[in-house]
Amino acid sequence: MNAIREATPTPSASFEMPAVWVNDAGEPRRVGFELEFSGVPLDTASSALADALGVRRRVVSEAEHRVVSPALGDFRVEVDWRFLKKKAAENAADDSDGEWIAALSQLASLVVPLEVVCPPIAVDELSALDDLVLSLRNAGATGTSDSPLAAYGVHINAEAPSLDATTLRGYLRAYCLLQWWLLSEHDIDTTRRLSPYVDLYPEAYLHAVHDPAISSLEGLIDLYLEHNPTRNRALDMLPLFSSVDEARVQRVVADPLINARPAFHYRLPDCHIEKVDWSLARPWKRWCVVEALAADESALDELALRFSAAKRPIIGVDRGAWVREIGQWLADHGLV
């Protein structure tokens, strides 16, 4: 990897440090989180967030509020419904339909999740998010467990330490080896398992990504698009690959909703904000297992050989057996 390795800073009380914590410029990598939840109206959620950060909120529209922290950045609190956000933004400009937009926003809060979109925060400052989660929980926010229809998740947008082919391939190899184990460890709610947004990579890709012939960025992107021509993946690489070669991605997935940025978009974990023992540090800890394995090329090679050897004609790899095998390997090597 090209990322500069320096003495690890003092970690926060709850958040682990990734194996590589700085980027190519020698600066701390940044991570953005997105939380989906319900149980409270938009006003209450944004007020709770503002209180946690010790600042004032700003109403952008009936569907979106902003909370700006001088230390951390710009937090968005919004109703996760594109139609309502569009109409609310239009109304903010001419104020012609204020009453029905406000009524629709209140109604939407009953059936549509709210979302807090955090700014990218340095990995050694993530503990600041603990107060945010606690304040939302105390205000009444509820997550995936609140309803059989509540497919609410947490998205982790971790800045890549480098955008070279070797680094990105290492992360993809690590994730592909861990994908089934992560699904088991996160104990994903049935509702979210059935939703398309956290679809897994197909098994053919789990094998193909270890081919040493895939050594260039172009080859890495093309292989990904061949097997995953969609935004609906638990680890969605389209934003990151778009930041590298947007035209290449758009030729296969012409989707204006792809937000190009040099970060892994990981959205497998559930949101359990209503549980007193839950914090964002828990899903982040599982992602850090990917980080650790991605930084260990010899371990990747060893596990890739094991995974290939476990493949059987027609039926492929026994998923349960592989989860047990790699889980034991991670435990033996102190990664869990």
Protein backbone atom coordinates (compact mmCIF):
# COMPACT_ATOMS: atom_id res chain seq x y z
CA MET A 1 0.00 0.00 0.00
CA ASN A 2 1.15 3.53 -0.66
CA ALA A 3 -0.43 5.06 2.43
CA ILE A 4 2.11 6.48 4.87
CA ARG A 5 2.31 4.48 8.11
CA GLU A 6 2.99 6.52 11.20
CA ALA A 7 2.57 5.98 14.91
CA THR A 8 -1.11 5.35 15.54
CA PRO A 9 -2.74 8.19 17.48
CA THR A 10 -4.55 7.54 20.74
CA PRO A 11 -7.81 5.83 19.68
CA SER A 12 -11.18 7.03 20.90
CA ALA A 13 -12.85 5.27 23.80
CA SER A 14 -15.11 3.28 21.49
CA PHE A 15 -13.92 3.39 17.87
CA GLU A 16 -11.12 1.15 16.64
CA MET A 17 -8.38 2.51 14.43
CA PRO A 18 -8.04 0.92 10.97
CA ALA A 19 -4.83 -0.84 10.02
CA VAL A 20 -3.93 2.07 7.74
CA TRP A 21 -5.21 5.28 9.29
CA VAL A 22 -3.67 7.92 6.99
CA ASN A 23 -4.09 8.61 3.29
CA ASP A 24 -1.42 9.19 0.64
CA ALA A 25 -1.03 12.77 1.82
CA GLY A 26 -0.20 11.59 5.33
CA GLU A 27 -3.45 13.01 6.71
CA PRO A 28 -5.92 11.03 8.85
CA ARG A 29 -8.42 9.20 6.70
CA ARG A 30 -12.01 10.36 7.01
CA VAL A 31 -15.22 8.39 7.43
CA GLY A 32 -18.79 9.49 6.80
CA PHE A 33 -21.73 7.67 8.38
CA GLU A 34 -25.39 7.65 7.35
CA LEU A 35 -28.07 6.53 9.83
CA GLU A 36 -31.63 5.61 8.91
CA PHE A 37 -34.25 5.59 11.68
CA SER A 38 -37.81 6.53 12.62
CA GLY A 39 -39.79 7.23 15.78
CA VAL A 40 -39.33 11.01 15.82
CA PRO A 41 -40.34 13.87 13.49
CA LEU A 42 -37.75 15.85 11.60
CA ASP A 43 -37.89 18.80 14.00
CA THR A 44 -37.17 16.60 16.99
CA ALA A 45 -34.33 14.76 15.28
CA SER A 46 -32.55 17.90 14.12
CA SER A 47 -32.97 19.54 17.53
CA ALA A 48 -31.49 16.46 19.23
CA LEU A 49 -28.56 16.53 16.85
CA ALA A 50 -28.00 20.26 17.40
CA ASP A 51 -28.08 19.77 21.17
CA ALA A 52 -25.52 16.96 20.97
CA LEU A 53 -23.16 19.13 18.93
CA GLY A 54 -23.80 22.29 20.94
CA VAL A 55 -24.85 24.35 17.91
CA ARG A 56 -28.02 25.65 16.27
CA ARG A 57 -29.92 23.93 13.50
CA ARG A 58 -30.91 25.51 10.18
CA VAL A 59 -34.17 24.69 8.39
CA VAL A 60 -33.46 24.26 4.68
CA SER A 61 -36.94 23.00 3.81
CA GLU A 62 -39.81 21.01 5.30
CA ALA A 63 -37.87 17.87 4.42
CA GLU A 64 -34.28 18.86 5.23
CA HIS A 65 -32.50 20.52 8.13
CA ARG A 66 -28.80 21.28 8.52
CA VAL A 67 -26.67 21.25 11.66
CA VAL A 68 -23.22 22.74 11.16
CA SER A 69 -20.48 21.97 13.67
CA PRO A 70 -17.39 24.21 13.40
CA ALA A 71 -15.27 21.27 14.57
CA LEU A 72 -16.78 18.42 12.55
CA GLY A 73 -18.62 19.86 9.56
CA ASP A 74 -22.08 19.93 8.00
CA PHE A 75 -24.65 17.34 9.13
CA ARG A 76 -27.84 16.82 7.10
CA VAL A 77 -31.06 15.60 8.71
CA GLU A 78 -33.69 14.74 6.12
CA VAL A 79 -36.74 12.74 5.23
CA ASP A 80 -35.46 9.87 3.11
CA TRP A 81 -37.96 10.36 0.30
CA ARG A 82 -36.68 11.91 -2.94
CA PHE A 83 -40.10 13.19 -4.07
CA LEU A 84 -40.72 15.05 -0.82
CA LYS A 85 -37.22 16.53 -0.73
CA LYS A 86 -37.64 17.79 -4.28
CA LYS A 87 -41.04 19.36 -3.58
CA ALA A 88 -39.87 20.84 -0.27
CA ALA A 89 -36.84 22.41 -1.96
CA GLU A 90 -39.07 23.91 -4.66
CA ASN A 91 -41.42 25.27 -2.02
CA ALA A 92 -38.52 26.81 -0.09
CA ALA A 93 -37.85 28.90 -3.18
CA ASP A 94 -41.38 30.27 -3.76
CA ASP A 95 -43.36 29.26 -0.60
CA SER A 96 -46.48 28.49 -2.64
CA ASP A 97 -47.37 25.11 -1.15
CA GLY A 98 -46.07 25.40 2.38
CA GLU A 99 -49.05 23.96 4.23
CA TRP A 100 -49.47 20.76 2.24
CA ILE A 101 -45.69 20.17 2.10
CA ALA A 102 -45.54 20.49 5.89
CA ALA A 103 -48.49 18.12 6.29
CA LEU A 104 -46.91 15.63 3.89
CA SER A 105 -43.64 15.81 5.78
CA GLN A 106 -45.36 15.01 9.08
CA LEU A 107 -47.24 12.12 7.47
CA ALA A 108 -44.07 10.82 5.86
CA SER A 109 -42.36 10.63 9.23
CA LEU A 110 -44.74 7.80 10.11
CA VAL A 111 -43.81 5.58 7.17
CA VAL A 112 -40.58 6.96 5.67
CA PRO A 113 -37.29 6.89 7.58
CA LEU A 114 -35.33 9.92 8.56
CA GLU A 115 -31.66 9.99 7.71
CA VAL A 116 -28.72 11.71 9.33
CA VAL A 117 -25.88 12.18 6.85
CA CYS A 118 -22.67 12.93 8.70
CA PRO A 119 -19.75 14.78 7.12
CA PRO A 120 -16.47 12.92 6.63
CA ILE A 121 -14.79 12.84 10.06
CA ALA A 122 -11.16 11.97 10.83
CA VAL A 123 -10.76 8.40 12.09
CA ASP A 124 -9.23 9.61 15.37
CA GLU A 125 -12.22 11.89 16.06
CA LEU A 126 -15.09 9.43 15.52
CA SER A 127 -15.93 9.24 19.23
CA ALA A 128 -17.69 12.59 18.75
CA LEU A 129 -20.50 10.58 17.17
CA ASP A 130 -21.29 8.79 20.42
CA ASP A 131 -23.10 11.85 21.82
CA LEU A 132 -25.03 12.20 18.57
CA VAL A 133 -26.40 8.65 18.78
CA LEU A 134 -27.22 9.00 22.47
CA SER A 135 -29.11 12.26 21.92
CA LEU A 136 -31.20 10.78 19.09
CA ARG A 137 -31.96 7.68 21.18
CA ASN A 138 -33.06 9.79 24.15
CA ALA A 139 -35.30 11.78 21.80
CA GLY A 140 -37.09 8.57 20.77
CA ALA A 141 -35.30 7.45 17.60
CA THR A 142 -35.84 3.79 16.74
CA GLY A 143 -34.10 1.57 14.23
CA THR A 144 -34.48 -1.75 12.46
CA SER A 145 -35.94 -3.64 15.41
CA ASP A 146 -38.85 -1.23 15.83
CA SER A 147 -40.99 -2.68 13.05
CA PRO A 148 -41.08 -5.72 10.77
CA LEU A 149 -41.16 -3.23 7.89
CA ALA A 150 -38.29 -1.06 9.18
CA ALA A 151 -35.39 -1.95 6.89
CA TYR A 152 -33.18 0.77 8.36
CA GLY A 153 -29.45 0.60 7.93
CA VAL A 154 -26.14 2.25 8.61
CA HIS A 155 -23.92 3.29 5.71
CA ILE A 156 -20.17 3.63 6.22
CA ASN A 157 -18.27 5.74 3.71
CA ALA A 158 -14.62 5.11 4.52
CA GLU A 159 -12.07 7.11 2.55
CA ALA A 160 -9.71 4.84 0.63
CA PRO A 161 -6.11 5.18 1.87
CA SER A 162 -4.98 5.25 -1.75
CA LEU A 163 -6.59 4.93 -5.17
CA ASP A 164 -3.95 2.72 -6.78
CA ALA A 165 -4.94 -0.67 -8.18
CA THR A 166 -2.99 -2.67 -5.58
CA THR A 167 -4.73 -0.97 -2.65
CA LEU A 168 -8.25 -1.17 -4.06
CA ARG A 169 -7.81 -4.77 -5.18
CA GLY A 170 -6.64 -5.64 -1.66
CA TYR A 171 -9.84 -4.22 -0.18
CA LEU A 172 -12.03 -6.04 -2.69
CA ARG A 173 -10.21 -9.32 -2.11
CA ALA A 174 -10.61 -8.92 1.65
CA TYR A 175 -14.27 -8.07 1.43
CA CYS A 176 -15.01 -10.94 -0.96
CA LEU A 177 -13.41 -13.40 1.45
CA LEU A 178 -15.34 -11.90 4.37
CA GLN A 179 -18.69 -11.15 2.71
CA TRP A 180 -20.60 -14.18 4.01
CA TRP A 181 -18.96 -13.91 7.44
CA LEU A 182 -19.92 -10.23 7.69
CA LEU A 183 -23.53 -11.05 6.85
CA SER A 184 -23.54 -13.57 9.69
CA GLU A 185 -21.74 -11.31 12.17
CA HIS A 186 -23.97 -8.31 11.56
CA ASP A 187 -27.03 -10.56 12.02
CA ILE A 188 -28.90 -8.61 9.37
CA ASP A 189 -32.65 -8.23 9.87
CA THR A 190 -34.79 -10.36 7.55
CA THR A 191 -36.47 -7.28 6.08
CA ARG A 192 -33.14 -5.84 5.00
CA ARG A 193 -31.92 -9.20 3.70
CA LEU A 194 -34.92 -9.21 1.36
CA SER A 195 -34.35 -5.66 0.17
CA PRO A 196 -32.22 -5.18 -2.96
CA TYR A 197 -30.02 -2.50 -1.39
CA VAL A 198 -27.73 -4.96 0.40
CA ASP A 199 -27.43 -7.63 -2.27
CA LEU A 200 -24.23 -9.66 -2.06
CA TYR A 201 -21.60 -10.08 -4.73
CA PRO A 202 -22.21 -13.21 -6.84
CA GLU A 203 -19.98 -16.15 -6.04
CA ALA A 204 -18.33 -16.00 -9.46
CA TYR A 205 -16.97 -12.56 -8.57
CA LEU A 206 -15.75 -13.78 -5.18
CA HIS A 207 -13.39 -16.09 -7.07
CA ALA A 208 -12.55 -13.86 -10.05
CA VAL A 209 -11.25 -10.95 -7.99
CA HIS A 210 -8.27 -13.05 -6.81
CA ASP A 211 -6.95 -13.55 -10.37
CA PRO A 212 -3.45 -11.99 -10.38
CA ALA A 213 -4.02 -10.96 -13.99
CA ILE A 214 -6.43 -8.30 -12.69
CA SER A 215 -3.66 -5.86 -11.86
CA SER A 216 -4.69 -2.53 -13.41
CA LEU A 217 -7.35 -0.07 -12.32
CA GLU A 218 -9.07 -0.47 -15.67
CA GLY A 219 -9.15 -4.24 -15.29
CA LEU A 220 -10.37 -3.99 -11.71
CA ILE A 221 -13.21 -1.65 -12.67
CA ASP A 222 -14.21 -3.68 -15.71
CA LEU A 223 -14.29 -6.92 -13.72
CA TYR A 224 -16.45 -5.30 -11.05
CA LEU A 225 -18.89 -3.90 -13.62
CA GLU A 226 -19.10 -7.25 -15.40
CA HIS A 227 -20.36 -8.93 -12.23
CA ASN A 228 -21.96 -5.99 -10.41
CA PRO A 229 -23.57 -3.55 -12.89
CA THR A 230 -25.79 -2.03 -10.19
CA ARG A 231 -25.81 0.28 -7.17
CA ASN A 232 -27.57 -2.43 -5.16
CA ARG A 233 -24.64 -4.06 -3.43
CA ALA A 234 -23.79 -4.24 0.27
CA LEU A 235 -20.38 -2.86 -0.68
CA ASP A 236 -21.15 -0.47 -3.52
CA MET A 237 -17.93 0.40 -5.33
CA LEU A 238 -19.54 2.58 -8.00
CA PRO A 239 -18.99 5.88 -6.12
CA LEU A 240 -15.31 5.12 -5.61
CA PHE A 241 -14.74 3.81 -9.13
CA SER A 242 -16.58 6.86 -10.49
CA SER A 243 -14.10 9.10 -8.70
CA VAL A 244 -11.35 7.27 -10.61
CA ASP A 245 -12.98 6.89 -14.05
CA GLU A 246 -16.54 8.19 -14.16
CA ALA A 247 -16.96 7.70 -17.92
CA ARG A 248 -16.00 4.04 -17.62
CA VAL A 249 -18.63 3.45 -14.94
CA GLN A 250 -21.37 5.43 -16.68
CA ARG A 251 -20.95 3.45 -19.90
CA VAL A 252 -22.20 0.39 -18.00
CA VAL A 253 -24.33 1.91 -15.22
CA ALA A 254 -25.77 5.18 -16.50
CA ASP A 255 -27.22 6.28 -13.18
CA PRO A 256 -27.23 9.98 -12.15
CA LEU A 257 -27.63 8.93 -8.49
CA ILE A 258 -24.06 7.62 -8.32
CA ASN A 259 -22.24 10.12 -6.13
CA ALA A 260 -18.58 10.00 -7.13
CA ARG A 261 -16.28 10.08 -4.11
CA PRO A 262 -13.01 8.30 -3.16
CA ALA A 263 -14.64 6.19 -0.45
CA PHE A 264 -15.95 2.66 0.03
CA HIS A 265 -19.75 2.73 0.34
CA TYR A 266 -20.57 -0.06 2.80
CA ARG A 267 -24.24 -0.39 3.75
CA LEU A 268 -24.68 -3.88 5.14
CA PRO A 269 -25.19 -3.12 8.89
CA ASP A 270 -28.61 -2.61 10.49
CA CYS A 271 -29.33 0.49 12.57
CA HIS A 272 -30.15 -0.37 16.19
CA ILE A 273 -30.12 3.15 17.56
CA GLU A 274 -32.89 2.30 20.05
CA LYS A 275 -30.68 -0.21 21.93
CA VAL A 276 -28.77 1.20 24.88
CA ASP A 277 -25.68 -0.92 24.19
CA TRP A 278 -25.45 0.02 20.49
CA SER A 279 -23.26 2.66 18.89
CA LEU A 280 -21.75 3.33 15.48
CA ALA A 281 -18.55 1.81 16.83
CA ARG A 282 -20.11 -1.66 16.52
CA PRO A 283 -20.61 -1.75 12.73
CA TRP A 284 -17.34 0.17 12.32
CA LYS A 285 -15.51 -2.59 14.23
CA ARG A 286 -16.69 -5.16 11.70
CA TRP A 287 -15.54 -2.97 8.81
CA CYS A 288 -12.12 -2.72 10.49
CA VAL A 289 -11.74 -6.48 10.01
CA VAL A 290 -11.89 -5.79 6.26
CA GLU A 291 -9.33 -3.03 6.77
CA ALA A 292 -6.95 -5.37 8.61
CA LEU A 293 -7.19 -8.18 6.08
CA ALA A 294 -6.83 -5.80 3.13
CA ALA A 295 -3.47 -4.67 4.52
CA ASP A 296 -2.08 -8.23 4.75
CA GLU A 297 -1.24 -9.54 1.28
CA SER A 298 0.13 -12.88 2.48
CA ALA A 299 -3.08 -13.54 4.41
CA LEU A 300 -5.14 -12.65 1.35
CA ASP A 301 -3.17 -15.12 -0.75
CA GLU A 302 -3.52 -17.89 1.85
CA LEU A 303 -7.26 -17.42 2.28
CA ALA A 304 -7.85 -17.09 -1.45
CA LEU A 305 -6.24 -20.51 -1.96
CA ARG A 306 -8.46 -21.97 0.77
CA PHE A 307 -11.54 -20.42 -0.76
CA SER A 308 -10.66 -21.76 -4.20
CA ALA A 309 -10.02 -25.23 -2.77
CA ALA A 310 -13.44 -25.20 -1.12
CA LYS A 311 -15.20 -24.79 -4.46
CA ARG A 312 -17.17 -27.80 -5.67
CA PRO A 313 -18.61 -28.44 -9.15
CA ILE A 314 -22.13 -27.07 -9.61
CA ILE A 315 -22.77 -26.32 -5.91
CA GLY A 316 -19.80 -23.98 -5.41
CA VAL A 317 -18.50 -23.20 -1.92
CA ASP A 318 -20.48 -24.35 1.12
CA ARG A 319 -21.33 -20.96 2.63
CA GLY A 320 -21.86 -22.16 6.20
CA ALA A 321 -18.61 -24.14 6.20
CA TRP A 322 -16.68 -21.14 4.84
CA VAL A 323 -18.14 -18.81 7.47
CA ARG A 324 -16.97 -21.20 10.16
CA GLU A 325 -13.54 -21.64 8.59
CA ILE A 326 -12.75 -17.97 8.12
CA GLY A 327 -14.28 -17.11 11.47
CA GLN A 328 -11.84 -19.51 13.13
CA TRP A 329 -8.96 -18.09 11.10
CA LEU A 330 -9.83 -14.54 12.20
CA ALA A 331 -10.03 -15.65 15.83
CA ASP A 332 -6.70 -17.52 15.62
CA HIS A 333 -5.05 -14.37 14.23
CA GLY A 334 -6.56 -12.00 16.79
CA LEU A 335 -8.74 -10.08 14.34
CA VAL A 336 -11.99 -10.74 16.22
